[in-house]
């Protein structure tokens, strides 16, 4: 058990005739793990369904857009297009999951997921692409390969000729 501190029974006045306490003030400890509540809230930023933006958006970590955006979206982070979202413009990001509507081209460094009720009108370029049944996609897609070829081949293609004569297609006899 810690020792108990005793106070003097008859405190003496100081130079200003104030009675001084010999007890040291106890510091107040406030535990606040996040001193700036707006600075970090789980790493995911949200633009709710009642937000409308005209202009470009840049972010770093994660962003969920559930509102309307007209303009470019650029990031090295993870983007989620919510069910209520209506995006009109170019999107360039690390990875994206689309639940809502996008009218514009998407370029993704890693993964793109088009969920069952989404609509994408525009071209898509990604290293990995997942399209759920029910998704609407109108445009061209290019799935890029991050793999490096195992061996370097000559610039001129090699012609391989079989030893047997080629038979005609659909069962016709040569």
N, C-alpha and C. Protein backbone atom coordinates (compact mmCIF):
# COMPACT_ATOMS: atom_id res chain seq x y z
N UNK A 1 0.84 -1.18 0.00
CA UNK A 1 0.00 0.00 0.00
C UNK A 1 0.88 1.23 0.00
N UNK A 2 0.59 2.25 -0.84
CA UNK A 2 1.45 3.43 -0.91
C UNK A 2 1.36 4.26 0.37
N UNK A 3 2.43 4.96 0.68
CA UNK A 3 2.40 5.79 1.90
C UNK A 3 1.41 6.93 1.77
N UNK A 4 0.81 7.32 2.89
CA UNK A 4 -0.17 8.40 2.91
C UNK A 4 0.55 9.69 3.27
N UNK A 5 0.26 10.72 2.52
CA UNK A 5 0.88 12.02 2.73
C UNK A 5 0.03 12.85 3.69
N UNK A 6 0.65 13.43 4.68
CA UNK A 6 -0.09 14.24 5.65
C UNK A 6 0.11 15.71 5.36
N UNK A 7 -0.95 16.48 5.47
CA UNK A 7 -0.92 17.93 5.27
C UNK A 7 -0.67 18.59 6.62
N UNK A 8 0.02 19.72 6.59
CA UNK A 8 0.19 20.45 7.86
C UNK A 8 -1.16 20.96 8.34
N UNK A 9 -1.34 20.93 9.64
CA UNK A 9 -2.62 21.34 10.21
C UNK A 9 -2.76 22.86 10.24
N UNK A 10 -1.68 23.56 10.35
CA UNK A 10 -1.73 25.03 10.40
C UNK A 10 -0.83 25.58 9.30
N UNK A 11 -1.36 25.71 8.07
CA UNK A 11 -0.52 26.22 6.99
C UNK A 11 -0.11 27.66 7.27
N UNK A 12 1.07 28.04 6.80
CA UNK A 12 1.57 29.40 7.01
C UNK A 12 1.29 30.23 5.77
N UNK A 13 0.93 31.53 5.92
CA UNK A 13 0.68 32.38 4.75
C UNK A 13 1.98 32.69 4.02
N UNK A 14 1.87 32.88 2.68
CA UNK A 14 3.04 33.27 1.90
C UNK A 14 3.19 34.78 1.94
N UNK A 15 4.04 35.34 1.03
CA UNK A 15 4.31 36.78 1.03
C UNK A 15 3.07 37.61 0.73
N UNK A 16 2.09 37.04 0.02
CA UNK A 16 0.87 37.79 -0.33
C UNK A 16 -0.27 37.47 0.62
N UNK A 17 0.03 36.92 1.76
CA UNK A 17 -0.95 36.53 2.77
C UNK A 17 -1.95 35.49 2.26
N UNK A 18 -1.49 34.65 1.33
CA UNK A 18 -2.29 33.53 0.87
C UNK A 18 -1.78 32.28 1.57
N UNK A 19 -2.69 31.40 1.89
CA UNK A 19 -2.28 30.15 2.49
C UNK A 19 -1.86 29.19 1.39
N UNK A 20 -0.63 28.76 1.43
CA UNK A 20 -0.09 27.88 0.41
C UNK A 20 -0.26 26.44 0.82
N UNK A 21 -0.59 25.66 -0.12
CA UNK A 21 -0.68 24.24 0.12
C UNK A 21 0.67 23.63 -0.23
N UNK A 22 1.13 22.70 0.54
CA UNK A 22 2.42 22.08 0.27
C UNK A 22 2.25 20.89 -0.68
N UNK A 23 1.01 20.59 -1.03
CA UNK A 23 0.76 19.48 -1.93
C UNK A 23 1.01 19.93 -3.36
N UNK A 24 1.72 19.08 -4.12
CA UNK A 24 1.98 19.39 -5.52
C UNK A 24 0.73 19.09 -6.33
N UNK A 25 0.45 19.89 -7.34
CA UNK A 25 -0.76 19.63 -8.13
C UNK A 25 -0.66 18.29 -8.83
N UNK A 26 -1.78 17.60 -8.86
CA UNK A 26 -1.85 16.32 -9.54
C UNK A 26 -2.12 16.59 -11.02
N UNK A 27 -1.27 16.04 -11.90
CA UNK A 27 -1.51 16.29 -13.33
C UNK A 27 -2.77 15.57 -13.79
N UNK A 28 -3.49 16.21 -14.67
CA UNK A 28 -4.68 15.60 -15.24
C UNK A 28 -4.25 14.83 -16.48
N UNK A 29 -4.61 13.56 -16.54
CA UNK A 29 -4.25 12.72 -17.68
C UNK A 29 -5.51 12.45 -18.49
N UNK A 30 -5.46 12.86 -19.73
CA UNK A 30 -6.57 12.62 -20.64
C UNK A 30 -6.06 11.66 -21.71
N UNK A 31 -6.69 10.52 -21.79
CA UNK A 31 -6.28 9.54 -22.79
C UNK A 31 -7.07 9.77 -24.07
N UNK A 32 -6.38 10.29 -25.06
CA UNK A 32 -7.00 10.50 -26.37
C UNK A 32 -6.07 9.89 -27.41
N UNK A 33 -6.37 8.68 -27.85
CA UNK A 33 -5.48 8.04 -28.81
C UNK A 33 -5.41 8.76 -30.15
N UNK A 34 -6.36 9.60 -30.45
CA UNK A 34 -6.41 10.30 -31.72
C UNK A 34 -6.58 11.79 -31.44
N UNK A 35 -5.49 12.52 -31.30
CA UNK A 35 -5.62 13.94 -30.94
C UNK A 35 -6.36 14.78 -31.96
N UNK A 36 -6.31 14.41 -33.23
CA UNK A 36 -7.04 15.14 -34.25
C UNK A 36 -8.06 14.19 -34.87
N UNK A 37 -9.33 14.26 -34.44
CA UNK A 37 -10.31 13.27 -34.90
C UNK A 37 -10.55 13.32 -36.40
N UNK A 38 -10.26 14.41 -37.07
CA UNK A 38 -10.49 14.48 -38.51
C UNK A 38 -9.30 13.94 -39.31
N UNK A 39 -8.15 13.74 -38.63
CA UNK A 39 -6.94 13.33 -39.35
C UNK A 39 -6.96 11.86 -39.74
N UNK A 40 -7.44 10.98 -38.85
CA UNK A 40 -7.39 9.56 -39.15
C UNK A 40 -8.63 8.89 -38.58
N UNK A 41 -9.46 8.36 -39.45
CA UNK A 41 -10.67 7.70 -39.00
C UNK A 41 -10.81 6.36 -39.69
N UNK A 42 -9.81 5.52 -39.48
CA UNK A 42 -9.85 4.19 -40.05
C UNK A 42 -9.22 4.09 -41.42
N UNK A 43 -8.78 5.17 -42.00
CA UNK A 43 -8.10 5.13 -43.28
C UNK A 43 -9.02 5.16 -44.49
N UNK A 44 -10.34 5.08 -44.30
CA UNK A 44 -11.26 5.08 -45.42
C UNK A 44 -12.07 6.37 -45.41
N UNK A 45 -11.96 7.11 -46.48
CA UNK A 45 -12.72 8.34 -46.63
C UNK A 45 -14.01 8.03 -47.38
N UNK A 46 -15.07 8.79 -47.07
CA UNK A 46 -16.38 8.53 -47.66
C UNK A 46 -16.98 9.82 -48.21
N UNK A 47 -17.46 9.75 -49.45
CA UNK A 47 -18.28 10.81 -50.02
C UNK A 47 -19.68 10.23 -50.12
N UNK A 48 -20.58 10.68 -49.25
CA UNK A 48 -21.90 10.07 -49.14
C UNK A 48 -22.78 10.39 -50.34
N UNK A 49 -23.96 9.77 -50.37
CA UNK A 49 -24.85 9.86 -51.53
C UNK A 49 -25.40 11.26 -51.78
N UNK A 50 -25.36 12.14 -50.79
CA UNK A 50 -25.87 13.50 -51.00
C UNK A 50 -24.79 14.48 -51.46
N UNK A 51 -23.59 13.97 -51.77
CA UNK A 51 -22.48 14.82 -52.20
C UNK A 51 -22.40 14.83 -53.72
N UNK A 52 -22.24 16.03 -54.30
CA UNK A 52 -22.03 16.18 -55.74
C UNK A 52 -20.77 17.00 -55.94
N UNK A 53 -19.87 16.50 -56.79
CA UNK A 53 -18.59 17.18 -57.02
C UNK A 53 -18.36 17.34 -58.50
N UNK A 54 -17.95 18.54 -58.92
CA UNK A 54 -17.47 18.79 -60.27
C UNK A 54 -16.02 19.21 -60.13
N UNK A 55 -15.14 18.41 -60.70
CA UNK A 55 -13.71 18.69 -60.58
C UNK A 55 -12.95 17.40 -60.37
N UNK A 56 -11.65 17.53 -60.11
CA UNK A 56 -10.82 16.33 -59.97
C UNK A 56 -10.68 15.94 -58.49
N UNK A 57 -10.55 14.65 -58.26
CA UNK A 57 -10.39 14.11 -56.92
C UNK A 57 -9.07 13.35 -56.87
N UNK A 58 -8.29 13.60 -55.82
CA UNK A 58 -7.07 12.85 -55.56
C UNK A 58 -7.12 12.39 -54.12
N UNK A 59 -6.73 11.14 -53.88
CA UNK A 59 -6.68 10.62 -52.51
C UNK A 59 -5.54 9.63 -52.43
N UNK A 60 -5.20 9.22 -51.17
CA UNK A 60 -4.03 8.36 -51.01
C UNK A 60 -4.35 6.95 -50.58
N UNK A 61 -5.25 6.75 -49.62
CA UNK A 61 -5.47 5.41 -49.08
C UNK A 61 -6.71 4.76 -49.67
N UNK A 62 -7.86 4.93 -49.02
CA UNK A 62 -9.10 4.32 -49.48
C UNK A 62 -10.19 5.38 -49.57
N UNK A 63 -11.01 5.29 -50.60
CA UNK A 63 -12.12 6.22 -50.78
C UNK A 63 -13.35 5.46 -51.25
N UNK A 64 -14.48 5.75 -50.59
CA UNK A 64 -15.78 5.23 -51.01
C UNK A 64 -16.58 6.41 -51.52
N UNK A 65 -16.99 6.35 -52.78
CA UNK A 65 -17.82 7.40 -53.36
C UNK A 65 -19.21 6.83 -53.55
N UNK A 66 -20.19 7.46 -52.92
CA UNK A 66 -21.58 7.03 -53.08
C UNK A 66 -22.43 8.15 -53.68
N UNK A 67 -21.80 9.27 -54.03
CA UNK A 67 -22.50 10.41 -54.60
C UNK A 67 -22.21 10.57 -56.08
N UNK A 68 -22.36 11.82 -56.56
CA UNK A 68 -22.14 12.12 -57.97
C UNK A 68 -20.83 12.86 -58.14
N UNK A 69 -20.04 12.42 -59.11
CA UNK A 69 -18.76 13.06 -59.42
C UNK A 69 -18.67 13.25 -60.92
N UNK A 70 -18.32 14.47 -61.32
CA UNK A 70 -18.07 14.77 -62.72
C UNK A 70 -16.65 15.31 -62.81
N UNK A 71 -15.74 14.49 -63.32
CA UNK A 71 -14.34 14.88 -63.42
C UNK A 71 -13.42 13.70 -63.22
N UNK A 72 -12.12 13.98 -63.16
CA UNK A 72 -11.12 12.93 -63.03
C UNK A 72 -10.96 12.47 -61.60
N UNK A 73 -10.64 11.18 -61.44
CA UNK A 73 -10.30 10.62 -60.14
C UNK A 73 -8.96 9.93 -60.30
N UNK A 74 -7.95 10.38 -59.55
CA UNK A 74 -6.59 9.84 -59.64
C UNK A 74 -6.10 9.43 -58.26
N UNK A 75 -5.48 8.25 -58.17
CA UNK A 75 -4.98 7.80 -56.88
C UNK A 75 -4.07 6.59 -57.03
N UNK A 76 -3.24 6.38 -56.01
CA UNK A 76 -2.49 5.14 -55.88
C UNK A 76 -3.16 4.26 -54.84
N UNK A 77 -4.39 4.59 -54.47
CA UNK A 77 -5.11 3.87 -53.42
C UNK A 77 -6.21 2.98 -53.96
N UNK A 78 -7.14 2.66 -53.05
CA UNK A 78 -8.24 1.74 -53.34
C UNK A 78 -9.53 2.55 -53.43
N UNK A 79 -10.26 2.40 -54.53
CA UNK A 79 -11.49 3.15 -54.75
C UNK A 79 -12.67 2.19 -54.79
N UNK A 80 -13.74 2.58 -54.09
CA UNK A 80 -15.00 1.84 -54.15
C UNK A 80 -16.07 2.79 -54.65
N UNK A 81 -16.76 2.39 -55.70
CA UNK A 81 -17.87 3.16 -56.25
C UNK A 81 -19.14 2.53 -55.69
N UNK A 82 -19.85 3.25 -54.81
CA UNK A 82 -21.03 2.72 -54.13
C UNK A 82 -22.23 2.56 -55.04
N UNK A 83 -23.26 1.90 -54.51
CA UNK A 83 -24.48 1.61 -55.28
C UNK A 83 -25.19 2.85 -55.78
N UNK A 84 -25.15 3.95 -55.01
CA UNK A 84 -25.83 5.19 -55.40
C UNK A 84 -24.97 6.11 -56.24
N UNK A 85 -23.72 5.74 -56.47
CA UNK A 85 -22.76 6.61 -57.16
C UNK A 85 -23.06 6.73 -58.64
N UNK A 86 -22.75 7.92 -59.17
CA UNK A 86 -22.85 8.20 -60.61
C UNK A 86 -21.59 8.99 -60.96
N UNK A 87 -20.63 8.31 -61.58
CA UNK A 87 -19.34 8.92 -61.90
C UNK A 87 -19.27 9.17 -63.39
N UNK A 88 -18.90 10.40 -63.77
CA UNK A 88 -18.73 10.76 -65.17
C UNK A 88 -17.34 11.36 -65.33
N UNK A 89 -16.41 10.52 -65.81
CA UNK A 89 -15.04 10.98 -65.99
C UNK A 89 -14.05 9.84 -65.93
N UNK A 90 -12.80 10.17 -66.15
CA UNK A 90 -11.72 9.19 -66.18
C UNK A 90 -11.34 8.80 -64.75
N UNK A 91 -11.04 7.51 -64.56
CA UNK A 91 -10.60 7.00 -63.26
C UNK A 91 -9.28 6.29 -63.45
N UNK A 92 -8.27 6.69 -62.67
CA UNK A 92 -6.97 6.03 -62.66
C UNK A 92 -6.63 5.77 -61.20
N UNK A 93 -6.51 4.48 -60.84
CA UNK A 93 -6.26 4.13 -59.45
C UNK A 93 -5.55 2.79 -59.35
N UNK A 94 -5.18 2.41 -58.12
CA UNK A 94 -4.50 1.12 -57.91
C UNK A 94 -5.48 -0.03 -58.05
N UNK A 95 -6.62 0.06 -57.35
CA UNK A 95 -7.65 -0.96 -57.50
C UNK A 95 -9.02 -0.33 -57.31
N UNK A 96 -10.04 -0.97 -57.88
CA UNK A 96 -11.38 -0.40 -57.86
C UNK A 96 -12.42 -1.52 -57.75
N UNK A 97 -13.48 -1.22 -57.01
CA UNK A 97 -14.66 -2.08 -56.95
C UNK A 97 -15.85 -1.20 -57.30
N UNK A 98 -16.62 -1.61 -58.31
CA UNK A 98 -17.73 -0.78 -58.81
C UNK A 98 -19.06 -1.47 -58.49
N UNK A 99 -19.88 -0.76 -57.70
CA UNK A 99 -21.25 -1.20 -57.41
C UNK A 99 -22.26 -0.32 -58.15
N UNK A 100 -21.89 0.92 -58.45
CA UNK A 100 -22.79 1.90 -59.06
C UNK A 100 -22.53 2.11 -60.53
N UNK A 101 -22.70 3.39 -60.99
CA UNK A 101 -22.58 3.72 -62.41
C UNK A 101 -21.31 4.52 -62.67
N UNK A 102 -20.61 4.13 -63.74
CA UNK A 102 -19.43 4.86 -64.19
C UNK A 102 -19.57 5.08 -65.69
N UNK A 103 -19.44 6.33 -66.12
CA UNK A 103 -19.45 6.68 -67.54
C UNK A 103 -18.09 7.32 -67.82
N UNK A 104 -17.14 6.51 -68.25
CA UNK A 104 -15.78 6.98 -68.51
C UNK A 104 -14.82 5.82 -68.44
N UNK A 105 -13.60 6.07 -68.85
CA UNK A 105 -12.59 5.02 -68.89
C UNK A 105 -11.99 4.79 -67.51
N UNK A 106 -11.64 3.52 -67.24
CA UNK A 106 -11.01 3.14 -65.98
C UNK A 106 -9.67 2.50 -66.30
N UNK A 107 -8.61 2.99 -65.64
CA UNK A 107 -7.29 2.38 -65.74
C UNK A 107 -6.85 2.03 -64.33
N UNK A 108 -6.55 0.73 -64.13
CA UNK A 108 -6.25 0.23 -62.80
C UNK A 108 -4.93 -0.51 -62.83
N UNK A 109 -4.06 -0.24 -61.88
CA UNK A 109 -2.75 -0.90 -61.83
C UNK A 109 -2.88 -2.35 -61.41
N UNK A 110 -3.83 -2.64 -60.51
CA UNK A 110 -3.94 -4.01 -60.01
C UNK A 110 -5.27 -4.66 -60.35
N UNK A 111 -6.29 -4.49 -59.51
CA UNK A 111 -7.52 -5.28 -59.60
C UNK A 111 -8.74 -4.40 -59.86
N UNK A 112 -9.64 -4.89 -60.72
CA UNK A 112 -10.92 -4.23 -60.97
C UNK A 112 -12.03 -5.25 -60.79
N UNK A 113 -13.04 -4.89 -59.98
CA UNK A 113 -14.20 -5.75 -59.77
C UNK A 113 -15.45 -5.00 -60.20
N UNK A 114 -16.22 -5.59 -61.10
CA UNK A 114 -17.50 -5.04 -61.51
C UNK A 114 -18.57 -5.91 -60.87
N UNK A 115 -19.30 -5.34 -59.91
CA UNK A 115 -20.29 -6.08 -59.15
C UNK A 115 -21.60 -6.22 -59.94
N UNK A 116 -22.49 -7.09 -59.46
CA UNK A 116 -23.65 -7.54 -60.23
C UNK A 116 -24.60 -6.44 -60.68
N UNK A 117 -24.76 -5.36 -59.94
CA UNK A 117 -25.73 -4.33 -60.34
C UNK A 117 -25.06 -3.08 -60.90
N UNK A 118 -23.78 -3.14 -61.19
CA UNK A 118 -23.08 -1.94 -61.67
C UNK A 118 -23.26 -1.74 -63.17
N UNK A 119 -22.96 -0.53 -63.61
CA UNK A 119 -22.97 -0.19 -65.03
C UNK A 119 -21.69 0.56 -65.35
N UNK A 120 -20.92 0.06 -66.31
CA UNK A 120 -19.72 0.74 -66.77
C UNK A 120 -19.84 0.97 -68.26
N UNK A 121 -19.81 2.25 -68.66
CA UNK A 121 -19.78 2.63 -70.07
C UNK A 121 -18.45 3.31 -70.30
N UNK A 122 -17.52 2.55 -70.84
CA UNK A 122 -16.19 3.08 -71.08
C UNK A 122 -15.20 1.94 -71.16
N UNK A 123 -14.00 2.27 -71.56
CA UNK A 123 -12.97 1.26 -71.71
C UNK A 123 -12.30 0.99 -70.37
N UNK A 124 -11.78 -0.22 -70.24
CA UNK A 124 -11.22 -0.66 -68.98
C UNK A 124 -9.86 -1.29 -69.21
N UNK A 125 -8.88 -0.93 -68.39
CA UNK A 125 -7.55 -1.53 -68.47
C UNK A 125 -7.13 -1.89 -67.05
N UNK A 126 -6.85 -3.19 -66.82
CA UNK A 126 -6.50 -3.65 -65.49
C UNK A 126 -5.62 -4.88 -65.58
N UNK A 127 -4.85 -5.16 -64.52
CA UNK A 127 -4.05 -6.37 -64.46
C UNK A 127 -4.92 -7.58 -64.16
N UNK A 128 -5.95 -7.39 -63.31
CA UNK A 128 -6.89 -8.46 -63.00
C UNK A 128 -8.30 -7.90 -63.09
N UNK A 129 -9.22 -8.67 -63.64
CA UNK A 129 -10.59 -8.21 -63.84
C UNK A 129 -11.57 -9.29 -63.42
N UNK A 130 -12.55 -8.87 -62.60
CA UNK A 130 -13.63 -9.76 -62.19
C UNK A 130 -14.94 -9.09 -62.55
N UNK A 131 -15.79 -9.80 -63.30
CA UNK A 131 -17.10 -9.27 -63.67
C UNK A 131 -18.15 -10.25 -63.18
N UNK A 132 -18.99 -9.78 -62.25
CA UNK A 132 -20.05 -10.64 -61.73
C UNK A 132 -21.21 -10.71 -62.72
N UNK A 133 -21.96 -11.80 -62.64
CA UNK A 133 -23.14 -11.96 -63.46
C UNK A 133 -24.13 -10.85 -63.11
N UNK A 134 -24.68 -10.21 -64.14
CA UNK A 134 -25.63 -9.12 -63.93
C UNK A 134 -25.01 -7.74 -64.11
N UNK A 135 -23.68 -7.66 -64.15
CA UNK A 135 -23.02 -6.38 -64.37
C UNK A 135 -23.20 -5.97 -65.83
N UNK A 136 -23.32 -4.65 -66.07
CA UNK A 136 -23.42 -4.12 -67.42
C UNK A 136 -22.12 -3.43 -67.77
N UNK A 137 -21.47 -3.89 -68.83
CA UNK A 137 -20.19 -3.33 -69.27
C UNK A 137 -20.26 -3.09 -70.76
N UNK A 138 -20.19 -1.81 -71.15
CA UNK A 138 -20.22 -1.43 -72.56
C UNK A 138 -18.90 -0.73 -72.85
N UNK A 139 -18.02 -1.41 -73.57
CA UNK A 139 -16.71 -0.84 -73.87
C UNK A 139 -15.71 -1.94 -74.14
N UNK A 140 -14.45 -1.55 -74.24
CA UNK A 140 -13.38 -2.51 -74.47
C UNK A 140 -12.65 -2.76 -73.16
N UNK A 141 -12.15 -3.98 -73.02
CA UNK A 141 -11.34 -4.27 -71.84
C UNK A 141 -9.98 -4.78 -72.29
N UNK A 142 -8.98 -4.41 -71.53
CA UNK A 142 -7.62 -4.90 -71.76
C UNK A 142 -7.09 -5.37 -70.44
N UNK A 143 -6.84 -6.66 -70.34
CA UNK A 143 -6.26 -7.22 -69.13
C UNK A 143 -4.77 -7.32 -69.37
N UNK A 144 -4.02 -6.52 -68.63
CA UNK A 144 -2.58 -6.46 -68.82
C UNK A 144 -1.92 -7.57 -68.03
N UNK A 145 -0.79 -8.00 -68.49
CA UNK A 145 -0.06 -9.05 -67.80
C UNK A 145 1.15 -8.43 -67.12
N UNK A 146 1.25 -8.66 -65.83
CA UNK A 146 2.41 -8.17 -65.10
C UNK A 146 3.56 -9.16 -65.17
N UNK A 147 3.33 -10.32 -65.78
CA UNK A 147 4.35 -11.37 -65.82
C UNK A 147 5.40 -11.06 -66.89
N UNK A 148 6.62 -11.39 -66.57
CA UNK A 148 7.72 -11.22 -67.52
C UNK A 148 7.89 -12.55 -68.24
N UNK A 149 8.04 -12.55 -69.57
CA UNK A 149 8.17 -13.82 -70.28
C UNK A 149 9.38 -14.60 -69.78
N UNK A 150 9.23 -15.94 -69.75
CA UNK A 150 10.28 -16.80 -69.23
C UNK A 150 11.52 -16.76 -70.11
N UNK A 151 11.34 -16.78 -71.43
CA UNK A 151 12.50 -16.68 -72.31
C UNK A 151 12.21 -15.65 -73.41
N UNK A 152 13.25 -15.01 -73.83
CA UNK A 152 13.11 -14.01 -74.88
C UNK A 152 13.17 -14.73 -76.22
N UNK A 153 12.18 -14.49 -77.04
CA UNK A 153 12.14 -15.12 -78.36
C UNK A 153 12.58 -14.10 -79.40
N UNK A 154 12.90 -14.58 -80.56
CA UNK A 154 13.31 -13.67 -81.62
C UNK A 154 12.10 -12.85 -82.08
N UNK A 155 12.37 -11.74 -82.69
CA UNK A 155 11.29 -10.86 -83.14
C UNK A 155 10.50 -11.51 -84.27
N UNK A 156 11.12 -12.47 -84.95
CA UNK A 156 10.47 -13.12 -86.09
C UNK A 156 9.77 -14.39 -85.60
N UNK A 157 8.48 -14.56 -85.89
CA UNK A 157 7.78 -15.75 -85.41
C UNK A 157 8.30 -17.01 -86.10
N UNK A 158 8.25 -18.09 -85.36
CA UNK A 158 8.69 -19.37 -85.89
C UNK A 158 7.50 -20.08 -86.51
N UNK A 159 7.70 -20.67 -87.71
CA UNK A 159 6.63 -21.38 -88.40
C UNK A 159 6.81 -22.87 -88.12
N UNK A 160 5.76 -23.48 -87.58
CA UNK A 160 5.80 -24.90 -87.29
C UNK A 160 4.92 -25.60 -88.30
N UNK A 161 5.51 -26.57 -89.02
CA UNK A 161 4.76 -27.30 -90.04
C UNK A 161 4.64 -28.76 -89.60
N UNK A 162 3.41 -29.27 -89.58
CA UNK A 162 3.25 -30.68 -89.20
C UNK A 162 3.72 -31.61 -90.31
N UNK A 163 4.06 -32.83 -89.95
CA UNK A 163 4.52 -33.82 -90.93
C UNK A 163 3.38 -34.34 -91.78
N UNK A 164 2.15 -34.34 -91.21
CA UNK A 164 0.99 -34.85 -91.94
C UNK A 164 0.30 -33.73 -92.69
N UNK A 165 -0.39 -34.07 -93.78
CA UNK A 165 -1.17 -33.03 -94.46
C UNK A 165 -2.35 -32.59 -93.58
N UNK A 166 -2.72 -31.34 -93.68
CA UNK A 166 -3.81 -30.77 -92.87
C UNK A 166 -5.14 -31.21 -93.47
N UNK A 167 -6.03 -31.69 -92.62
CA UNK A 167 -7.36 -32.11 -93.07
C UNK A 167 -8.28 -30.92 -93.01
N UNK A 168 -9.21 -30.87 -93.90
CA UNK A 168 -10.17 -29.77 -93.96
C UNK A 168 -11.05 -29.78 -92.72
N UNK A 169 -11.53 -28.64 -92.36
CA UNK A 169 -12.38 -28.49 -91.18
C UNK A 169 -13.76 -29.10 -91.40
N UNK A 170 -14.44 -29.38 -90.34
CA UNK A 170 -15.84 -29.88 -90.32
C UNK A 170 -15.97 -31.24 -90.97
N UNK A 171 -14.97 -32.07 -90.83
CA UNK A 171 -15.08 -33.47 -91.25
C UNK A 171 -14.97 -33.68 -92.76
N UNK A 172 -14.66 -32.67 -93.53
CA UNK A 172 -14.50 -32.87 -94.97
C UNK A 172 -13.21 -33.65 -95.21
N UNK A 173 -13.21 -34.49 -96.24
CA UNK A 173 -12.03 -35.31 -96.50
C UNK A 173 -11.14 -34.62 -97.54
N UNK A 174 -9.85 -34.74 -97.29
CA UNK A 174 -8.91 -34.10 -98.19
C UNK A 174 -8.54 -35.00 -99.33
